[in-house]
């Protein structure tokens, strides 16, 4: 039987100075503690929102 996955996307919004590494790190740690694994990060523009894509096995 193949594995089944659930997916989660989380937006990390930049401050007026841009994306902060500590904001992304905090979100990664928060979701990791809940059992989510990061599979991709998308940033549309250098000063844009970071979209974190996570998965978790059902």
PDB file of N, CA and C in Angstrom:
ATOM      1  N   UNK A   1       0.850  -1.182   0.000  1.00  0.00           N
ATOM      2  CA  UNK A   1       0.000   0.000   0.000  1.00  0.00           C
ATOM      3  C   UNK A   1       0.893   1.243   0.000  1.00  0.00           C
ATOM      4  N   UNK A   2       0.526   2.220  -0.811  1.00  0.00           N
ATOM      5  CA  UNK A   2       1.328   3.443  -0.888  1.00  0.00           C
ATOM      6  C   UNK A   2       1.041   4.361   0.300  1.00  0.00           C
ATOM      7  N   UNK A   3       2.010   5.214   0.586  1.00  0.00           N
ATOM      8  CA  UNK A   3       1.843   6.166   1.682  1.00  0.00           C
ATOM      9  C   UNK A   3       0.837   7.238   1.289  1.00  0.00           C
ATOM     10  N   UNK A   4       0.176   7.783   2.294  1.00  0.00           N
ATOM     11  CA  UNK A   4      -0.767   8.879   2.078  1.00  0.00           C
ATOM     12  C   UNK A   4      -0.244  10.090   2.836  1.00  0.00           C
ATOM     13  N   UNK A   5      -0.344  11.259   2.228  1.00  0.00           N
ATOM     14  CA  UNK A   5       0.219  12.479   2.784  1.00  0.00           C
ATOM     15  C   UNK A   5      -0.846  13.551   2.957  1.00  0.00           C
ATOM     16  N   UNK A   6      -0.627  14.367   3.940  1.00  0.00           N
ATOM     17  CA  UNK A   6      -1.405  15.586   4.139  1.00  0.00           C
ATOM     18  C   UNK A   6      -0.431  16.738   3.932  1.00  0.00           C
ATOM     19  N   UNK A   7      -0.902  17.829   3.353  1.00  0.00           N
ATOM     20  CA  UNK A   7      -0.029  18.964   3.053  1.00  0.00           C
ATOM     21  C   UNK A   7      -0.507  20.224   3.764  1.00  0.00           C
ATOM     22  N   UNK A   8       0.443  21.092   4.076  1.00  0.00           N
ATOM     23  CA  UNK A   8       0.174  22.343   4.767  1.00  0.00           C
ATOM     24  C   UNK A   8       1.011  23.436   4.120  1.00  0.00           C
ATOM     25  N   UNK A   9       0.418  24.588   3.862  1.00  0.00           N
ATOM     26  CA  UNK A   9       1.180  25.743   3.394  1.00  0.00           C
ATOM     27  C   UNK A   9       1.060  26.848   4.438  1.00  0.00           C
ATOM     28  N   UNK A  10       2.189  27.515   4.690  1.00  0.00           N
ATOM     29  CA  UNK A  10       2.241  28.590   5.677  1.00  0.00           C
ATOM     30  C   UNK A  10       2.944  29.779   5.039  1.00  0.00           C
ATOM     31  N   UNK A  11       2.328  30.966   5.146  1.00  0.00           N
ATOM     32  CA  UNK A  11       2.948  32.185   4.640  1.00  0.00           C
ATOM     33  C   UNK A  11       3.737  32.857   5.764  1.00  0.00           C
ATOM     34  N   UNK A  12       4.978  33.227   5.448  1.00  0.00           N
ATOM     35  CA  UNK A  12       5.779  34.040   6.366  1.00  0.00           C
ATOM     36  C   UNK A  12       5.912  35.399   5.693  1.00  0.00           C
ATOM     37  N   UNK A  13       5.311  36.405   6.302  1.00  0.00           N
ATOM     38  CA  UNK A  13       5.273  37.732   5.696  1.00  0.00           C
ATOM     39  C   UNK A  13       6.494  38.542   6.099  1.00  0.00           C
ATOM     40  N   UNK A  14       7.034  39.306   5.155  1.00  0.00           N
ATOM     41  CA  UNK A  14       8.211  40.119   5.459  1.00  0.00           C
ATOM     42  C   UNK A  14       7.852  41.334   6.312  1.00  0.00           C
ATOM     43  N   UNK A  15       8.839  41.842   7.026  1.00  0.00           N
ATOM     44  CA  UNK A  15       8.696  43.123   7.704  1.00  0.00           C
ATOM     45  C   UNK A  15       9.072  44.192   6.693  1.00  0.00           C
ATOM     46  N   UNK A  16       9.092  45.430   7.103  1.00  0.00           N
ATOM     47  CA  UNK A  16       9.442  46.491   6.147  1.00  0.00           C
ATOM     48  C   UNK A  16      10.894  46.385   5.692  1.00  0.00           C
ATOM     49  N   UNK A  17      11.716  45.613   6.384  1.00  0.00           N
ATOM     50  CA  UNK A  17      13.114  45.410   5.977  1.00  0.00           C
ATOM     51  C   UNK A  17      13.300  44.118   5.191  1.00  0.00           C
ATOM     52  N   UNK A  18      12.236  43.358   4.995  1.00  0.00           N
ATOM     53  CA  UNK A  18      12.312  42.108   4.241  1.00  0.00           C
ATOM     54  C   UNK A  18      12.064  40.900   5.130  1.00  0.00           C
ATOM     55  N   UNK A  19      12.306  39.722   4.569  1.00  0.00           N
ATOM     56  CA  UNK A  19      12.128  38.481   5.320  1.00  0.00           C
ATOM     57  C   UNK A  19      13.225  38.353   6.366  1.00  0.00           C
ATOM     58  N   UNK A  20      12.839  37.919   7.555  1.00  0.00           N
ATOM     59  CA  UNK A  20      13.808  37.734   8.618  1.00  0.00           C
ATOM     60  C   UNK A  20      14.023  36.235   8.827  1.00  0.00           C
ATOM     61  N   UNK A  21      15.295  35.832   8.850  1.00  0.00           N
ATOM     62  CA  UNK A  21      15.636  34.421   9.016  1.00  0.00           C
ATOM     63  C   UNK A  21      15.043  33.855  10.303  1.00  0.00           C
ATOM     64  N   UNK A  22      15.019  34.655  11.368  1.00  0.00           N
ATOM     65  CA  UNK A  22      14.487  34.149  12.639  1.00  0.00           C
ATOM     66  C   UNK A  22      12.979  33.892  12.569  1.00  0.00           C
ATOM     67  N   UNK A  23      12.251  34.637  11.740  1.00  0.00           N
ATOM     68  CA  UNK A  23      10.819  34.374  11.565  1.00  0.00           C
ATOM     69  C   UNK A  23      10.595  33.044  10.847  1.00  0.00           C
ATOM     70  N   UNK A  24      11.407  32.797   9.824  1.00  0.00           N
ATOM     71  CA  UNK A  24      11.302  31.534   9.091  1.00  0.00           C
ATOM     72  C   UNK A  24      11.704  30.379   9.999  1.00  0.00           C
ATOM     73  N   UNK A  25      12.799  30.552  10.747  1.00  0.00           N
ATOM     74  CA  UNK A  25      13.267  29.501  11.661  1.00  0.00           C
ATOM     75  C   UNK A  25      12.210  29.170  12.708  1.00  0.00           C
ATOM     76  N   UNK A  26      11.565  30.188  13.254  1.00  0.00           N
ATOM     77  CA  UNK A  26      10.527  29.965  14.264  1.00  0.00           C
ATOM     78  C   UNK A  26       9.370  29.148  13.684  1.00  0.00           C
ATOM     79  N   UNK A  27       8.973  29.448  12.457  1.00  0.00           N
ATOM     80  CA  UNK A  27       7.875  28.711  11.824  1.00  0.00           C
ATOM     81  C   UNK A  27       8.284  27.281  11.518  1.00  0.00           C
ATOM     82  N   UNK A  28       9.520  27.081  11.052  1.00  0.00           N
ATOM     83  CA  UNK A  28      10.012  25.729  10.794  1.00  0.00           C
ATOM     84  C   UNK A  28      10.005  24.903  12.074  1.00  0.00           C
ATOM     85  N   UNK A  29      10.474  25.479  13.174  1.00  0.00           N
ATOM     86  CA  UNK A  29      10.490  24.762  14.455  1.00  0.00           C
ATOM     87  C   UNK A  29       9.078  24.469  14.950  1.00  0.00           C
ATOM     88  N   UNK A  30       8.182  25.443  14.805  1.00  0.00           N
ATOM     89  CA  UNK A  30       6.794  25.264  15.256  1.00  0.00           C
ATOM     90  C   UNK A  30       6.135  24.102  14.515  1.00  0.00           C
ATOM     91  N   UNK A  31       6.255  24.081  13.203  1.00  0.00           N
ATOM     92  CA  UNK A  31       5.618  23.023  12.418  1.00  0.00           C
ATOM     93  C   UNK A  31       6.325  21.676  12.601  1.00  0.00           C
ATOM     94  N   UNK A  32       7.643  21.700  12.758  1.00  0.00           N
ATOM     95  CA  UNK A  32       8.386  20.469  12.991  1.00  0.00           C
ATOM     96  C   UNK A  32       7.964  19.786  14.281  1.00  0.00           C
ATOM     97  N   UNK A  33       7.697  20.572  15.316  1.00  0.00           N
ATOM     98  CA  UNK A  33       7.238  20.006  16.584  1.00  0.00           C
ATOM     99  C   UNK A  33       5.859  19.364  16.448  1.00  0.00           C
ATOM    100  N   UNK A  34       5.104  19.800  15.446  1.00  0.00           N
ATOM    101  CA  UNK A  34       3.778  19.236  15.199  1.00  0.00           C
ATOM    102  C   UNK A  34       3.828  18.051  14.227  1.00  0.00           C
ATOM    103  N   UNK A  35       5.042  17.662  13.814  1.00  0.00           N
ATOM    104  CA  UNK A  35       5.199  16.502  12.951  1.00  0.00           C
ATOM    105  C   UNK A  35       5.252  16.790  11.461  1.00  0.00           C
ATOM    106  N   UNK A  36       5.288  18.074  11.072  1.00  0.00           N
ATOM    107  CA  UNK A  36       5.323  18.436   9.667  1.00  0.00           C
ATOM    108  C   UNK A  36       6.764  18.486   9.172  1.00  0.00           C
ATOM    109  N   UNK A  37       6.984  18.052   7.930  1.00  0.00           N
ATOM    110  CA  UNK A  37       8.299  18.073   7.297  1.00  0.00           C
ATOM    111  C   UNK A  37       8.268  19.077   6.144  1.00  0.00           C
ATOM    112  N   UNK A  38       9.246  19.980   6.113  1.00  0.00           N
ATOM    113  CA  UNK A  38       9.335  20.965   5.032  1.00  0.00           C
ATOM    114  C   UNK A  38       9.727  20.266   3.735  1.00  0.00           C
ATOM    115  N   UNK A  39       8.984  20.555   2.652  1.00  0.00           N
ATOM    116  CA  UNK A  39       9.316  19.963   1.350  1.00  0.00           C
ATOM    117  C   UNK A  39       9.685  21.010   0.304  1.00  0.00           C
ATOM    118  N   UNK A  40       9.284  22.280   0.521  1.00  0.00           N
ATOM    119  CA  UNK A  40       9.615  23.320  -0.449  1.00  0.00           C
ATOM    120  C   UNK A  40       9.395  24.690   0.163  1.00  0.00           C
ATOM    121  N   UNK A  41      10.120  25.653  -0.364  1.00  0.00           N
ATOM    122  CA  UNK A  41       9.948  27.058   0.009  1.00  0.00           C
ATOM    123  C   UNK A  41       9.848  27.858  -1.271  1.00  0.00           C
ATOM    124  N   UNK A  42       8.830  28.709  -1.365  1.00  0.00           N
ATOM    125  CA  UNK A  42       8.628  29.545  -2.542  1.00  0.00           C
ATOM    126  C   UNK A  42       8.629  31.012  -2.123  1.00  0.00           C
ATOM    127  N   UNK A  43       9.412  31.817  -2.832  1.00  0.00           N
ATOM    128  CA  UNK A  43       9.434  33.264  -2.594  1.00  0.00           C
ATOM    129  C   UNK A  43       9.268  33.915  -3.957  1.00  0.00           C
ATOM    130  N   UNK A  44       8.169  34.663  -4.137  1.00  0.00           N
ATOM    131  CA  UNK A  44       7.855  35.214  -5.460  1.00  0.00           C
ATOM    132  C   UNK A  44       8.770  36.370  -5.857  1.00  0.00           C
ATOM    133  N   UNK A  45       9.124  37.215  -4.901  1.00  0.00           N
ATOM    134  CA  UNK A  45      10.015  38.346  -5.158  1.00  0.00           C
ATOM    135  C   UNK A  45      10.974  38.464  -3.986  1.00  0.00           C
ATOM    136  N   UNK A  46      12.097  39.152  -4.158  1.00  0.00           N
ATOM    137  CA  UNK A  46      13.063  39.261  -3.061  1.00  0.00           C
ATOM    138  C   UNK A  46      12.472  39.832  -1.763  1.00  0.00           C
ATOM    139  N   UNK A  47      11.512  40.708  -1.848  1.00  0.00           N
ATOM    140  CA  UNK A  47      10.904  41.298  -0.652  1.00  0.00           C
ATOM    141  C   UNK A  47       9.498  40.749  -0.403  1.00  0.00           C
ATOM    142  N   UNK A  48       9.157  39.631  -1.061  1.00  0.00           N
ATOM    143  CA  UNK A  48       7.810  39.089  -0.975  1.00  0.00           C
ATOM    144  C   UNK A  48       7.618  38.084   0.147  1.00  0.00           C
ATOM    145  N   UNK A  49       6.437  37.535   0.165  1.00  0.00           N
ATOM    146  CA  UNK A  49       6.041  36.530   1.154  1.00  0.00           C
ATOM    147  C   UNK A  49       6.760  35.217   0.855  1.00  0.00           C
ATOM    148  N   UNK A  50       7.200  34.531   1.897  1.00  0.00           N
ATOM    149  CA  UNK A  50       7.759  33.184   1.741  1.00  0.00           C
ATOM    150  C   UNK A  50       6.635  32.192   2.006  1.00  0.00           C
ATOM    151  N   UNK A  51       6.430  31.284   1.101  1.00  0.00           N
ATOM    152  CA  UNK A  51       5.421  30.241   1.258  1.00  0.00           C
ATOM    153  C   UNK A  51       6.151  28.946   1.578  1.00  0.00           C
ATOM    154  N   UNK A  52       5.919  28.421   2.775  1.00  0.00           N
ATOM    155  CA  UNK A  52       6.542  27.178   3.216  1.00  0.00           C
ATOM    156  C   UNK A  52       5.558  26.039   2.981  1.00  0.00           C
ATOM    157  N   UNK A  53       6.012  24.984   2.335  1.00  0.00           N
ATOM    158  CA  UNK A  53       5.158  23.839   2.020  1.00  0.00           C
ATOM    159  C   UNK A  53       5.650  22.649   2.852  1.00  0.00           C
ATOM    160  N   UNK A  54       4.749  22.093   3.643  1.00  0.00           N
ATOM    161  CA  UNK A  54       5.060  20.979   4.528  1.00  0.00           C
ATOM    162  C   UNK A  54       4.226  19.762   4.152  1.00  0.00           C
ATOM    163  N   UNK A  55       4.706  18.568   4.567  1.00  0.00           N
ATOM    164  CA  UNK A  55       3.913  17.356   4.412  1.00  0.00           C
ATOM    165  C   UNK A  55       4.020  16.530   5.685  1.00  0.00           C
ATOM    166  N   UNK A  56       2.988  15.707   5.900  1.00  0.00           N
ATOM    167  CA  UNK A  56       2.966  14.805   7.047  1.00  0.00           C
ATOM    168  C   UNK A  56       2.239  13.537   6.603  1.00  0.00           C
ATOM    169  N   UNK A  57       2.788  12.413   6.988  1.00  0.00           N
ATOM    170  CA  UNK A  57       2.150  11.145   6.634  1.00  0.00           C
ATOM    171  C   UNK A  57       0.890  10.958   7.439  1.00  0.00           C
ATOM    172  N   UNK A  58      -0.186  10.512   6.778  1.00  0.00           N
ATOM    173  CA  UNK A  58      -1.454  10.265   7.462  1.00  0.00           C
ATOM    174  C   UNK A  58      -1.423   8.964   8.227  1.00  0.00           C
TER     175      UNK A  58
END
